[in-house]
Amino acid sequence: MAMSEAEVDEMQRKIDEGIHLAQERLIERARHNHTTLVVAQGDRIVEVTADELISQQKNRIRLPQ
């Protein structure tokens, strides 16, 4: 049975929330363990501390969805 558009939207929302939660937990674990994270920034791959990443996220303007 095919899913309705509303069901697809709800599933996508849950997937997005799960990814966001996993990212938050990964950053917090890196912060706790004093380790770095490797992330893509534009066309570069860089190594940053969790604190640097949190600071960058706070400075980013979030647009309403």
N, C-alpha and C. Protein backbone atom coordinates (compact mmCIF):
# COMPACT_ATOMS: atom_id res chain seq x y z
N MET A 1 0.84 -1.19 0.00
CA MET A 1 0.00 0.00 0.00
C MET A 1 0.89 1.25 0.00
N ALA A 2 0.58 2.18 -0.85
CA ALA A 2 1.35 3.42 -0.96
C ALA A 2 1.00 4.35 0.20
N MET A 3 1.98 5.15 0.60
CA MET A 3 1.76 6.10 1.68
C MET A 3 1.18 7.39 1.11
N SER A 4 0.32 8.02 1.90
CA SER A 4 -0.22 9.31 1.50
C SER A 4 0.86 10.37 1.63
N GLU A 5 0.63 11.53 1.03
CA GLU A 5 1.58 12.61 1.12
C GLU A 5 1.79 13.04 2.57
N ALA A 6 0.72 13.06 3.35
CA ALA A 6 0.82 13.43 4.77
C ALA A 6 1.68 12.42 5.53
N GLU A 7 1.53 11.13 5.20
CA GLU A 7 2.33 10.10 5.87
C GLU A 7 3.81 10.22 5.49
N VAL A 8 4.07 10.53 4.23
CA VAL A 8 5.44 10.71 3.78
C VAL A 8 6.06 11.92 4.48
N ASP A 9 5.29 13.01 4.57
CA ASP A 9 5.78 14.21 5.25
C ASP A 9 6.08 13.92 6.72
N GLU A 10 5.21 13.18 7.38
CA GLU A 10 5.41 12.83 8.79
C GLU A 10 6.64 11.95 8.96
N MET A 11 6.82 10.98 8.08
CA MET A 11 7.99 10.11 8.16
C MET A 11 9.27 10.92 7.93
N GLN A 12 9.26 11.83 6.97
CA GLN A 12 10.42 12.67 6.70
C GLN A 12 10.74 13.55 7.90
N ARG A 13 9.72 14.09 8.55
CA ARG A 13 9.92 14.92 9.75
C ARG A 13 10.59 14.10 10.84
N LYS A 14 10.12 12.86 11.04
CA LYS A 14 10.70 12.00 12.07
C LYS A 14 12.15 11.64 11.74
N ILE A 15 12.44 11.38 10.48
CA ILE A 15 13.81 11.08 10.06
C ILE A 15 14.71 12.29 10.32
N ASP A 16 14.24 13.48 9.93
CA ASP A 16 15.02 14.70 10.15
C ASP A 16 15.29 14.93 11.63
N GLU A 17 14.27 14.72 12.48
CA GLU A 17 14.44 14.88 13.92
C GLU A 17 15.45 13.88 14.47
N GLY A 18 15.40 12.65 13.97
CA GLY A 18 16.35 11.62 14.41
C GLY A 18 17.77 11.96 14.04
N ILE A 19 17.97 12.46 12.83
CA ILE A 19 19.31 12.86 12.38
C ILE A 19 19.83 14.01 13.24
N HIS A 20 18.97 14.98 13.50
CA HIS A 20 19.36 16.13 14.32
C HIS A 20 19.75 15.67 15.73
N LEU A 21 18.96 14.78 16.32
CA LEU A 21 19.26 14.27 17.66
C LEU A 21 20.59 13.51 17.66
N ALA A 22 20.83 12.69 16.64
CA ALA A 22 22.09 11.94 16.55
C ALA A 22 23.27 12.89 16.44
N GLN A 23 23.13 13.97 15.66
CA GLN A 23 24.21 14.95 15.53
C GLN A 23 24.49 15.63 16.86
N GLU A 24 23.43 16.02 17.58
CA GLU A 24 23.61 16.66 18.88
C GLU A 24 24.34 15.74 19.85
N ARG A 25 23.95 14.46 19.86
CA ARG A 25 24.60 13.49 20.76
C ARG A 25 26.06 13.28 20.39
N LEU A 26 26.36 13.23 19.10
CA LEU A 26 27.74 13.04 18.65
C LEU A 26 28.60 14.23 19.06
N ILE A 27 28.08 15.43 18.89
CA ILE A 27 28.82 16.64 19.27
C ILE A 27 29.04 16.66 20.78
N GLU A 28 28.02 16.33 21.54
CA GLU A 28 28.15 16.33 23.00
C GLU A 28 29.15 15.27 23.46
N ARG A 29 29.16 14.11 22.82
CA ARG A 29 30.14 13.06 23.17
C ARG A 29 31.56 13.54 22.86
N ALA A 30 31.74 14.19 21.71
CA ALA A 30 33.06 14.70 21.35
C ALA A 30 33.51 15.77 22.35
N ARG A 31 32.57 16.59 22.78
CA ARG A 31 32.89 17.63 23.76
C ARG A 31 33.31 16.99 25.08
N HIS A 32 32.55 16.01 25.53
CA HIS A 32 32.82 15.33 26.79
C HIS A 32 34.18 14.61 26.76
N ASN A 33 34.50 13.99 25.63
CA ASN A 33 35.73 13.21 25.50
C ASN A 33 36.92 14.04 25.01
N HIS A 34 36.71 15.34 24.78
CA HIS A 34 37.77 16.24 24.30
C HIS A 34 38.39 15.72 23.00
N THR A 35 37.52 15.30 22.08
CA THR A 35 37.98 14.83 20.78
C THR A 35 37.50 15.80 19.71
N THR A 36 37.99 15.62 18.50
CA THR A 36 37.60 16.49 17.40
C THR A 36 36.63 15.76 16.48
N LEU A 37 35.97 16.55 15.64
CA LEU A 37 35.05 16.03 14.64
C LEU A 37 35.55 16.45 13.26
N VAL A 38 35.37 15.60 12.29
CA VAL A 38 35.74 15.92 10.91
C VAL A 38 34.45 16.21 10.16
N VAL A 39 34.36 17.42 9.61
CA VAL A 39 33.13 17.87 8.95
C VAL A 39 33.44 18.52 7.61
N ALA A 40 32.44 18.58 6.77
CA ALA A 40 32.55 19.29 5.50
C ALA A 40 32.12 20.73 5.72
N GLN A 41 32.94 21.66 5.24
CA GLN A 41 32.59 23.08 5.28
C GLN A 41 32.78 23.62 3.87
N GLY A 42 31.68 23.75 3.17
CA GLY A 42 31.75 24.14 1.77
C GLY A 42 32.38 23.03 0.97
N ASP A 43 33.47 23.32 0.29
CA ASP A 43 34.15 22.30 -0.50
C ASP A 43 35.38 21.74 0.20
N ARG A 44 35.51 22.02 1.49
CA ARG A 44 36.67 21.55 2.27
C ARG A 44 36.23 20.56 3.35
N ILE A 45 37.14 19.68 3.73
CA ILE A 45 36.96 18.79 4.86
C ILE A 45 37.88 19.30 5.96
N VAL A 46 37.32 19.60 7.14
CA VAL A 46 38.12 20.19 8.22
C VAL A 46 37.90 19.42 9.53
N GLU A 47 38.86 19.54 10.42
CA GLU A 47 38.78 18.94 11.74
C GLU A 47 38.54 20.08 12.74
N VAL A 48 37.49 19.96 13.54
CA VAL A 48 37.13 21.00 14.50
C VAL A 48 36.82 20.37 15.85
N THR A 49 36.95 21.19 16.89
CA THR A 49 36.53 20.72 18.21
C THR A 49 35.01 20.87 18.31
N ALA A 50 34.45 20.18 19.26
CA ALA A 50 33.00 20.28 19.46
C ALA A 50 32.61 21.72 19.81
N ASP A 51 33.43 22.38 20.62
CA ASP A 51 33.13 23.77 20.99
C ASP A 51 33.14 24.70 19.79
N GLU A 52 34.08 24.49 18.86
CA GLU A 52 34.12 25.30 17.64
C GLU A 52 32.86 25.07 16.81
N LEU A 53 32.45 23.82 16.71
CA LEU A 53 31.27 23.49 15.92
C LEU A 53 30.01 24.08 16.55
N ILE A 54 29.89 24.00 17.86
CA ILE A 54 28.74 24.58 18.56
C ILE A 54 28.71 26.09 18.35
N SER A 55 29.87 26.74 18.43
CA SER A 55 29.95 28.18 18.22
C SER A 55 29.51 28.55 16.81
N GLN A 56 29.96 27.76 15.82
CA GLN A 56 29.57 28.02 14.44
C GLN A 56 28.07 27.85 14.24
N GLN A 57 27.49 26.84 14.89
CA GLN A 57 26.05 26.59 14.76
C GLN A 57 25.25 27.72 15.38
N LYS A 58 25.71 28.27 16.49
CA LYS A 58 25.00 29.36 17.16
C LYS A 58 25.03 30.63 16.31
N ASN A 59 26.13 30.81 15.57
CA ASN A 59 26.28 32.02 14.74
C ASN A 59 25.53 31.93 13.41
N ARG A 60 25.14 30.71 13.03
CA ARG A 60 24.43 30.51 11.77
C ARG A 60 22.98 30.98 11.92
N ILE A 61 22.50 31.68 10.94
CA ILE A 61 21.11 32.15 10.95
C ILE A 61 20.24 30.99 10.47
N ARG A 62 19.24 30.67 11.27
CA ARG A 62 18.32 29.58 10.90
C ARG A 62 17.05 30.20 10.33
N LEU A 63 16.71 29.76 9.13
CA LEU A 63 15.50 30.24 8.48
C LEU A 63 14.32 29.36 8.88
N PRO A 64 13.14 29.93 9.05
CA PRO A 64 11.96 29.11 9.37
C PRO A 64 11.66 28.13 8.23
N GLN A 65 11.19 26.96 8.60
CA GLN A 65 10.88 25.95 7.58
C GLN A 65 9.45 26.05 7.15
